[in-house]
């Protein structure tokens, strides 16, 4: 999460870090804005087109 929160939003690097953090638990076209914090990120699932 630290890396995500310190990466320029809406860039390929940002989306890559977000995908690394959430894996296949983030739907196509979804976006999460920093700052991000959480305890059970491994349990988080985000559907398609979530902004």
N, C-alpha and C. Protein backbone atom coordinates (compact mmCIF):
# COMPACT_ATOMS: atom_id res chain seq x y z
N UNK A 1 0.82 -1.18 0.00
CA UNK A 1 0.00 0.00 0.00
C UNK A 1 0.87 1.26 0.00
N UNK A 2 2.03 1.19 0.68
CA UNK A 2 2.92 2.34 0.70
C UNK A 2 3.32 2.74 -0.71
N UNK A 3 3.70 1.75 -1.52
CA UNK A 3 4.11 2.02 -2.90
C UNK A 3 2.97 2.62 -3.71
N UNK A 4 1.76 2.10 -3.54
CA UNK A 4 0.59 2.62 -4.24
C UNK A 4 0.34 4.07 -3.85
N UNK A 5 0.42 4.37 -2.56
CA UNK A 5 0.15 5.72 -2.07
C UNK A 5 1.23 6.73 -2.47
N UNK A 6 2.38 6.24 -2.95
CA UNK A 6 3.46 7.14 -3.34
C UNK A 6 3.77 7.05 -4.83
N UNK A 7 2.79 6.64 -5.60
CA UNK A 7 2.92 6.56 -7.06
C UNK A 7 1.91 7.51 -7.69
N UNK A 8 2.32 8.17 -8.77
CA UNK A 8 1.44 9.12 -9.46
C UNK A 8 0.17 8.41 -9.94
N UNK A 9 -1.01 8.91 -9.52
CA UNK A 9 -2.28 8.28 -9.91
C UNK A 9 -2.51 8.30 -11.43
N UNK A 10 -3.32 7.37 -11.86
CA UNK A 10 -3.75 7.24 -13.26
C UNK A 10 -2.60 7.05 -14.23
N UNK A 11 -1.54 6.39 -13.79
CA UNK A 11 -0.43 6.05 -14.67
C UNK A 11 -0.37 4.53 -14.80
N UNK A 12 0.39 4.07 -15.78
CA UNK A 12 0.55 2.62 -15.95
C UNK A 12 1.18 2.01 -14.70
N UNK A 13 2.15 2.71 -14.12
CA UNK A 13 2.81 2.21 -12.91
C UNK A 13 1.81 2.07 -11.76
N UNK A 14 0.94 3.06 -11.60
CA UNK A 14 -0.07 3.04 -10.54
C UNK A 14 -1.00 1.84 -10.71
N UNK A 15 -1.48 1.65 -11.93
CA UNK A 15 -2.39 0.54 -12.20
C UNK A 15 -1.68 -0.80 -12.02
N UNK A 16 -0.40 -0.86 -12.35
CA UNK A 16 0.38 -2.08 -12.16
C UNK A 16 0.52 -2.41 -10.66
N UNK A 17 0.80 -1.40 -9.85
CA UNK A 17 0.92 -1.61 -8.40
C UNK A 17 -0.42 -2.01 -7.82
N UNK A 18 -1.50 -1.39 -8.29
CA UNK A 18 -2.85 -1.72 -7.83
C UNK A 18 -3.17 -3.17 -8.16
N UNK A 19 -2.82 -3.60 -9.36
CA UNK A 19 -3.05 -4.99 -9.79
C UNK A 19 -2.19 -5.94 -8.96
N UNK A 20 -0.97 -5.52 -8.64
CA UNK A 20 -0.08 -6.35 -7.80
C UNK A 20 -0.67 -6.51 -6.40
N UNK A 21 -1.26 -5.46 -5.89
CA UNK A 21 -1.83 -5.48 -4.55
C UNK A 21 -3.11 -6.32 -4.48
N UNK A 22 -3.97 -6.17 -5.49
CA UNK A 22 -5.28 -6.83 -5.46
C UNK A 22 -5.38 -8.07 -6.36
N UNK A 23 -4.43 -8.25 -7.23
CA UNK A 23 -4.46 -9.42 -8.12
C UNK A 23 -5.69 -9.45 -8.99
N UNK A 24 -6.36 -10.59 -9.06
CA UNK A 24 -7.56 -10.72 -9.90
C UNK A 24 -8.83 -10.34 -9.14
N UNK A 25 -8.66 -9.68 -8.00
CA UNK A 25 -9.82 -9.27 -7.19
C UNK A 25 -10.27 -7.85 -7.51
N UNK A 26 -9.75 -7.27 -8.62
CA UNK A 26 -10.20 -5.96 -9.06
C UNK A 26 -10.72 -6.09 -10.48
N UNK A 27 -11.94 -5.61 -10.69
CA UNK A 27 -12.59 -5.77 -11.99
C UNK A 27 -12.05 -4.84 -13.05
N UNK A 28 -12.33 -5.19 -14.28
CA UNK A 28 -11.91 -4.42 -15.44
C UNK A 28 -12.47 -3.00 -15.38
N UNK A 29 -11.63 -2.02 -15.65
CA UNK A 29 -12.06 -0.63 -15.68
C UNK A 29 -12.22 0.00 -14.31
N UNK A 30 -11.81 -0.67 -13.26
CA UNK A 30 -11.95 -0.14 -11.90
C UNK A 30 -10.75 0.71 -11.53
N UNK A 31 -10.95 1.65 -10.62
CA UNK A 31 -9.90 2.55 -10.18
C UNK A 31 -10.09 2.87 -8.71
N UNK A 32 -9.00 2.86 -7.96
CA UNK A 32 -9.03 3.19 -6.54
C UNK A 32 -8.06 4.35 -6.35
N UNK A 33 -8.53 5.43 -5.73
CA UNK A 33 -7.69 6.62 -5.53
C UNK A 33 -6.94 6.54 -4.21
N UNK A 34 -5.70 6.99 -4.23
CA UNK A 34 -4.89 7.07 -3.01
C UNK A 34 -5.35 8.27 -2.18
N UNK A 35 -5.17 8.26 -0.90
CA UNK A 35 -4.47 7.26 -0.12
C UNK A 35 -5.34 6.05 0.18
N UNK A 36 -4.71 4.90 0.17
CA UNK A 36 -5.38 3.65 0.45
C UNK A 36 -4.82 3.10 1.76
N UNK A 37 -5.71 2.66 2.63
CA UNK A 37 -5.27 2.00 3.86
C UNK A 37 -6.26 0.89 4.16
N UNK A 38 -5.84 -0.08 4.92
CA UNK A 38 -6.74 -1.17 5.25
C UNK A 38 -6.05 -2.26 6.04
N UNK A 39 -6.85 -3.12 6.60
CA UNK A 39 -6.34 -4.19 7.43
C UNK A 39 -6.44 -5.53 6.69
N UNK A 40 -7.56 -5.79 6.05
CA UNK A 40 -7.80 -7.07 5.40
C UNK A 40 -7.89 -6.91 3.89
N UNK A 41 -6.87 -6.30 3.29
CA UNK A 41 -6.86 -6.06 1.85
C UNK A 41 -6.96 -7.39 1.09
N UNK A 42 -6.44 -8.46 1.65
CA UNK A 42 -6.50 -9.77 0.99
C UNK A 42 -7.93 -10.30 0.88
N UNK A 43 -8.87 -9.70 1.59
CA UNK A 43 -10.28 -10.11 1.54
C UNK A 43 -11.12 -9.18 0.64
N UNK A 44 -10.52 -8.09 0.18
CA UNK A 44 -11.22 -7.07 -0.61
C UNK A 44 -11.44 -7.55 -2.05
N UNK A 45 -12.65 -7.38 -2.55
CA UNK A 45 -12.99 -7.69 -3.94
C UNK A 45 -13.69 -6.46 -4.51
N UNK A 46 -13.23 -5.99 -5.67
CA UNK A 46 -13.81 -4.82 -6.32
C UNK A 46 -14.33 -5.23 -7.70
N UNK A 47 -15.58 -4.91 -7.98
CA UNK A 47 -16.19 -5.30 -9.24
C UNK A 47 -15.78 -4.43 -10.41
N UNK A 48 -16.39 -4.66 -11.56
CA UNK A 48 -16.10 -3.91 -12.78
C UNK A 48 -16.55 -2.46 -12.68
N UNK A 49 -15.77 -1.59 -13.31
CA UNK A 49 -16.09 -0.17 -13.46
C UNK A 49 -16.31 0.55 -12.13
N UNK A 50 -15.61 0.14 -11.08
CA UNK A 50 -15.68 0.79 -9.77
C UNK A 50 -14.74 1.97 -9.77
N UNK A 51 -15.23 3.12 -9.40
CA UNK A 51 -14.37 4.32 -9.34
C UNK A 51 -14.33 4.85 -7.94
